[in-house]
Amino acid sequence: MASGPERDELRRRKVLVVDDDARNLYTITGLLEQYGAEVFSAASAAEACELARKHPDLGVVLMDVMMPDVDGLAAARTLLREHPGLPIIALTAKASASDRESCLAAGMVDYVAKPADARHLVAVIAQHAREGDGAGVRT
């Protein structure tokens, strides 16, 4: 079982992981559950929006940028229109400075390049879950 400050930050936090690759969903969900997070997973933008509506107390969203139906940038914009203040972190294989800027311009609060180091990913999620206290999803 994971321990340390991230464990305290993620314990009982609701995290939405959005990725069209089932292997990524499985791996990230397992990792975050070790830290005590309650993880919801979505394989599409539409599913992510539906889950955000169902769970108005989400603490943070981890969003794949390259998805087949609606890309993560458009999905983030939609989520933020419906739920201002919801921290969304980009997770993408596109690792250039311009890709990072595109994610931030879409309203995402941070950016993690794939393949992500597990400790770094958890630390970034914990940081934004902590900073987002009280923000959550606005309905």
C-alpha atoms as a PDB file:
ATOM      1  CA  MET A   1       0.000   0.000   0.000  1.00  0.00           C
ATOM      2  CA  ALA A   2       1.271   3.485  -0.876  1.00  0.00           C
ATOM      3  CA  SER A   3       2.170   5.947   1.842  1.00  0.00           C
ATOM      4  CA  GLY A   4       3.397   9.500   2.236  1.00  0.00           C
ATOM      5  CA  PRO A   5       1.870  12.936   1.706  1.00  0.00           C
ATOM      6  CA  GLU A   6       0.285  11.949  -1.624  1.00  0.00           C
ATOM      7  CA  ARG A   7      -1.589   9.173   0.151  1.00  0.00           C
ATOM      8  CA  ASP A   8      -3.148  11.735   2.481  1.00  0.00           C
ATOM      9  CA  GLU A   9      -3.964  14.090  -0.397  1.00  0.00           C
ATOM     10  CA  LEU A  10      -5.643  11.421  -2.505  1.00  0.00           C
ATOM     11  CA  ARG A  11      -7.427   9.434   0.189  1.00  0.00           C
ATOM     12  CA  ARG A  12     -11.144   9.431  -0.631  1.00  0.00           C
ATOM     13  CA  ARG A  13     -10.679  11.978  -3.449  1.00  0.00           C
ATOM     14  CA  LYS A  14     -12.744  11.412  -6.534  1.00  0.00           C
ATOM     15  CA  VAL A  15     -10.569  11.311  -9.637  1.00  0.00           C
ATOM     16  CA  LEU A  16     -11.876  10.971 -13.180  1.00  0.00           C
ATOM     17  CA  VAL A  17      -9.434   9.346 -15.610  1.00  0.00           C
ATOM     18  CA  VAL A  18     -10.292   9.841 -19.290  1.00  0.00           C
ATOM     19  CA  ASP A  19      -8.411   7.731 -21.834  1.00  0.00           C
ATOM     20  CA  ASP A  20      -9.516   5.695 -24.844  1.00  0.00           C
ATOM     21  CA  ASP A  21      -6.868   3.023 -24.155  1.00  0.00           C
ATOM     22  CA  ALA A  22      -8.208   0.408 -21.712  1.00  0.00           C
ATOM     23  CA  ARG A  23      -4.658  -0.511 -20.644  1.00  0.00           C
ATOM     24  CA  ASN A  24      -3.981   3.070 -19.555  1.00  0.00           C
ATOM     25  CA  LEU A  25      -7.294   3.241 -17.673  1.00  0.00           C
ATOM     26  CA  TYR A  26      -6.499  -0.012 -15.879  1.00  0.00           C
ATOM     27  CA  THR A  27      -2.946   0.998 -14.961  1.00  0.00           C
ATOM     28  CA  ILE A  28      -3.758   4.528 -13.777  1.00  0.00           C
ATOM     29  CA  THR A  29      -6.857   3.402 -11.889  1.00  0.00           C
ATOM     30  CA  GLY A  30      -4.859   0.743 -10.055  1.00  0.00           C
ATOM     31  CA  LEU A  31      -2.130   3.222  -9.203  1.00  0.00           C
ATOM     32  CA  LEU A  32      -4.497   5.858  -7.830  1.00  0.00           C
ATOM     33  CA  GLU A  33      -6.532   3.325  -5.872  1.00  0.00           C
ATOM     34  CA  GLN A  34      -3.323   2.356  -4.045  1.00  0.00           C
ATOM     35  CA  TYR A  35      -3.321   5.939  -2.748  1.00  0.00           C
ATOM     36  CA  GLY A  36      -6.904   5.680  -1.555  1.00  0.00           C
ATOM     37  CA  ALA A  37      -8.527   7.624  -4.401  1.00  0.00           C
ATOM     38  CA  GLU A  38     -11.978   6.780  -5.651  1.00  0.00           C
ATOM     39  CA  VAL A  39     -11.412   6.502  -9.392  1.00  0.00           C
ATOM     40  CA  PHE A  40     -13.939   6.783 -12.191  1.00  0.00           C
ATOM     41  CA  SER A  41     -12.885   5.998 -15.729  1.00  0.00           C
ATOM     42  CA  ALA A  42     -14.187   7.168 -19.071  1.00  0.00           C
ATOM     43  CA  ALA A  43     -13.136   6.056 -22.541  1.00  0.00           C
ATOM     44  CA  SER A  44     -14.631   9.078 -24.329  1.00  0.00           C
ATOM     45  CA  ALA A  45     -15.400  12.758 -23.895  1.00  0.00           C
ATOM     46  CA  ALA A  46     -19.137  12.081 -23.770  1.00  0.00           C
ATOM     47  CA  GLU A  47     -18.677   9.506 -21.018  1.00  0.00           C
ATOM     48  CA  ALA A  48     -16.431  11.933 -19.100  1.00  0.00           C
ATOM     49  CA  CYS A  49     -19.077  14.672 -19.226  1.00  0.00           C
ATOM     50  CA  GLU A  50     -21.753  12.251 -18.052  1.00  0.00           C
ATOM     51  CA  LEU A  51     -19.619  11.073 -15.122  1.00  0.00           C
ATOM     52  CA  ALA A  52     -18.826  14.666 -14.149  1.00  0.00           C
ATOM     53  CA  ARG A  53     -22.559  15.399 -14.004  1.00  0.00           C
ATOM     54  CA  LYS A  54     -23.174  12.291 -11.876  1.00  0.00           C
ATOM     55  CA  HIS A  55     -20.327  13.100  -9.465  1.00  0.00           C
ATOM     56  CA  PRO A  56     -20.431  16.826  -8.648  1.00  0.00           C
ATOM     57  CA  ASP A  57     -17.703  16.400  -6.037  1.00  0.00           C
ATOM     58  CA  LEU A  58     -14.919  15.328  -8.398  1.00  0.00           C
ATOM     59  CA  GLY A  59     -11.555  16.529  -7.131  1.00  0.00           C
ATOM     60  CA  VAL A  60      -9.553  16.334 -10.355  1.00  0.00           C
ATOM     61  CA  VAL A  61      -9.665  15.011 -13.931  1.00  0.00           C
ATOM     62  CA  LEU A  62      -6.763  13.323 -15.720  1.00  0.00           C
ATOM     63  CA  MET A  63      -7.433  13.807 -19.458  1.00  0.00           C
ATOM     64  CA  ASP A  64      -5.814  12.016 -22.385  1.00  0.00           C
ATOM     65  CA  VAL A  65      -5.370  14.581 -25.151  1.00  0.00           C
ATOM     66  CA  MET A  66      -5.433  12.282 -28.181  1.00  0.00           C
ATOM     67  CA  MET A  67      -8.786  10.502 -28.299  1.00  0.00           C
ATOM     68  CA  PRO A  68     -10.695   9.416 -31.404  1.00  0.00           C
ATOM     69  CA  ASP A  69     -14.141  10.935 -30.852  1.00  0.00           C
ATOM     70  CA  VAL A  70     -13.451  14.351 -29.357  1.00  0.00           C
ATOM     71  CA  ASP A  71      -9.891  15.277 -28.477  1.00  0.00           C
ATOM     72  CA  GLY A  72      -8.958  16.061 -24.896  1.00  0.00           C
ATOM     73  CA  LEU A  73      -8.677  19.787 -25.553  1.00  0.00           C
ATOM     74  CA  ALA A  74     -12.288  20.019 -26.711  1.00  0.00           C
ATOM     75  CA  ALA A  75     -13.383  17.697 -23.906  1.00  0.00           C
ATOM     76  CA  ALA A  76     -11.637  19.917 -21.336  1.00  0.00           C
ATOM     77  CA  ARG A  77     -13.324  23.024 -22.722  1.00  0.00           C
ATOM     78  CA  THR A  78     -16.723  21.324 -22.510  1.00  0.00           C
ATOM     79  CA  LEU A  79     -16.128  20.111 -18.956  1.00  0.00           C
ATOM     80  CA  LEU A  80     -14.968  23.544 -17.863  1.00  0.00           C
ATOM     81  CA  ARG A  81     -17.987  25.272 -19.429  1.00  0.00           C
ATOM     82  CA  GLU A  82     -20.247  22.955 -17.465  1.00  0.00           C
ATOM     83  CA  HIS A  83     -18.063  22.803 -14.321  1.00  0.00           C
ATOM     84  CA  PRO A  84     -15.894  25.924 -13.882  1.00  0.00           C
ATOM     85  CA  GLY A  85     -12.994  25.443 -11.501  1.00  0.00           C
ATOM     86  CA  LEU A  86     -12.642  21.708 -12.042  1.00  0.00           C
ATOM     87  CA  PRO A  87      -8.891  20.955 -12.180  1.00  0.00           C
ATOM     88  CA  ILE A  88      -8.069  19.078 -15.400  1.00  0.00           C
ATOM     89  CA  ILE A  89      -4.585  17.671 -15.984  1.00  0.00           C
ATOM     90  CA  ALA A  90      -3.481  16.759 -19.510  1.00  0.00           C
ATOM     91  CA  LEU A  91      -1.869  13.361 -20.024  1.00  0.00           C
ATOM     92  CA  THR A  92      -0.401  13.014 -23.490  1.00  0.00           C
ATOM     93  CA  ALA A  93       2.356  11.571 -25.647  1.00  0.00           C
ATOM     94  CA  LYS A  94       2.598  14.939 -27.397  1.00  0.00           C
ATOM     95  CA  ALA A  95       5.382  16.495 -25.385  1.00  0.00           C
ATOM     96  CA  SER A  96       6.396  19.669 -27.187  1.00  0.00           C
ATOM     97  CA  ALA A  97       6.225  23.134 -25.652  1.00  0.00           C
ATOM     98  CA  SER A  98       3.458  24.114 -28.091  1.00  0.00           C
ATOM     99  CA  ASP A  99       1.421  21.051 -27.084  1.00  0.00           C
ATOM    100  CA  ARG A 100       1.767  22.056 -23.445  1.00  0.00           C
ATOM    101  CA  GLU A 101       0.661  25.596 -24.274  1.00  0.00           C
ATOM    102  CA  SER A 102      -2.373  24.258 -26.167  1.00  0.00           C
ATOM    103  CA  CYS A 103      -3.416  22.257 -23.116  1.00  0.00           C
ATOM    104  CA  LEU A 104      -3.046  25.229 -20.798  1.00  0.00           C
ATOM    105  CA  ALA A 105      -4.888  27.479 -23.272  1.00  0.00           C
ATOM    106  CA  ALA A 106      -7.787  24.996 -23.226  1.00  0.00           C
ATOM    107  CA  GLY A 107      -8.054  25.570 -19.476  1.00  0.00           C
ATOM    108  CA  MET A 108      -6.131  22.591 -18.162  1.00  0.00           C
ATOM    109  CA  VAL A 109      -4.163  23.301 -14.998  1.00  0.00           C
ATOM    110  CA  ASP A 110      -1.153  21.082 -15.706  1.00  0.00           C
ATOM    111  CA  TYR A 111       0.444  18.758 -18.219  1.00  0.00           C
ATOM    112  CA  VAL A 112       2.114  15.351 -17.821  1.00  0.00           C
ATOM    113  CA  ALA A 113       3.862  13.678 -20.756  1.00  0.00           C
ATOM    114  CA  LYS A 114       3.494   9.953 -21.473  1.00  0.00           C
ATOM    115  CA  PRO A 115       5.012   7.687 -20.524  1.00  0.00           C
ATOM    116  CA  ALA A 116       4.567   9.238 -17.110  1.00  0.00           C
ATOM    117  CA  ASP A 117       6.648   8.390 -14.085  1.00  0.00           C
ATOM    118  CA  ALA A 118       4.148   7.041 -11.530  1.00  0.00           C
ATOM    119  CA  ARG A 119       5.492   9.115  -8.614  1.00  0.00           C
ATOM    120  CA  HIS A 120       5.470  12.309 -10.661  1.00  0.00           C
ATOM    121  CA  LEU A 121       1.945  11.647 -11.933  1.00  0.00           C
ATOM    122  CA  VAL A 122       0.617  10.996  -8.421  1.00  0.00           C
ATOM    123  CA  ALA A 123       2.371  14.116  -7.082  1.00  0.00           C
ATOM    124  CA  VAL A 124       0.828  16.315  -9.798  1.00  0.00           C
ATOM    125  CA  ILE A 125      -2.647  14.871  -9.211  1.00  0.00           C
ATOM    126  CA  ALA A 126      -2.300  15.291  -5.435  1.00  0.00           C
ATOM    127  CA  GLN A 127      -1.150  18.896  -5.838  1.00  0.00           C
ATOM    128  CA  HIS A 128      -4.146  19.857  -7.924  1.00  0.00           C
ATOM    129  CA  ALA A 129      -6.607  17.883  -5.814  1.00  0.00           C
ATOM    130  CA  ARG A 130      -5.321  19.855  -2.813  1.00  0.00           C
ATOM    131  CA  GLU A 131      -5.443  23.201  -4.632  1.00  0.00           C
ATOM    132  CA  GLY A 132      -8.901  22.387  -5.939  1.00  0.00           C
ATOM    133  CA  ASP A 133     -10.350  21.869  -2.441  1.00  0.00           C
ATOM    134  CA  GLY A 134     -13.696  23.496  -2.382  1.00  0.00           C
ATOM    135  CA  ALA A 135     -13.697  24.047  -6.129  1.00  0.00           C
ATOM    136  CA  GLY A 136     -14.952  20.682  -7.312  1.00  0.00           C
ATOM    137  CA  VAL A 137     -17.502  20.498 -10.062  1.00  0.00           C
ATOM    138  CA  ARG A 138     -19.908  23.394 -10.177  1.00  0.00           C
ATOM    139  CA  THR A 139     -23.426  22.597 -11.300  1.00  0.00           C
END
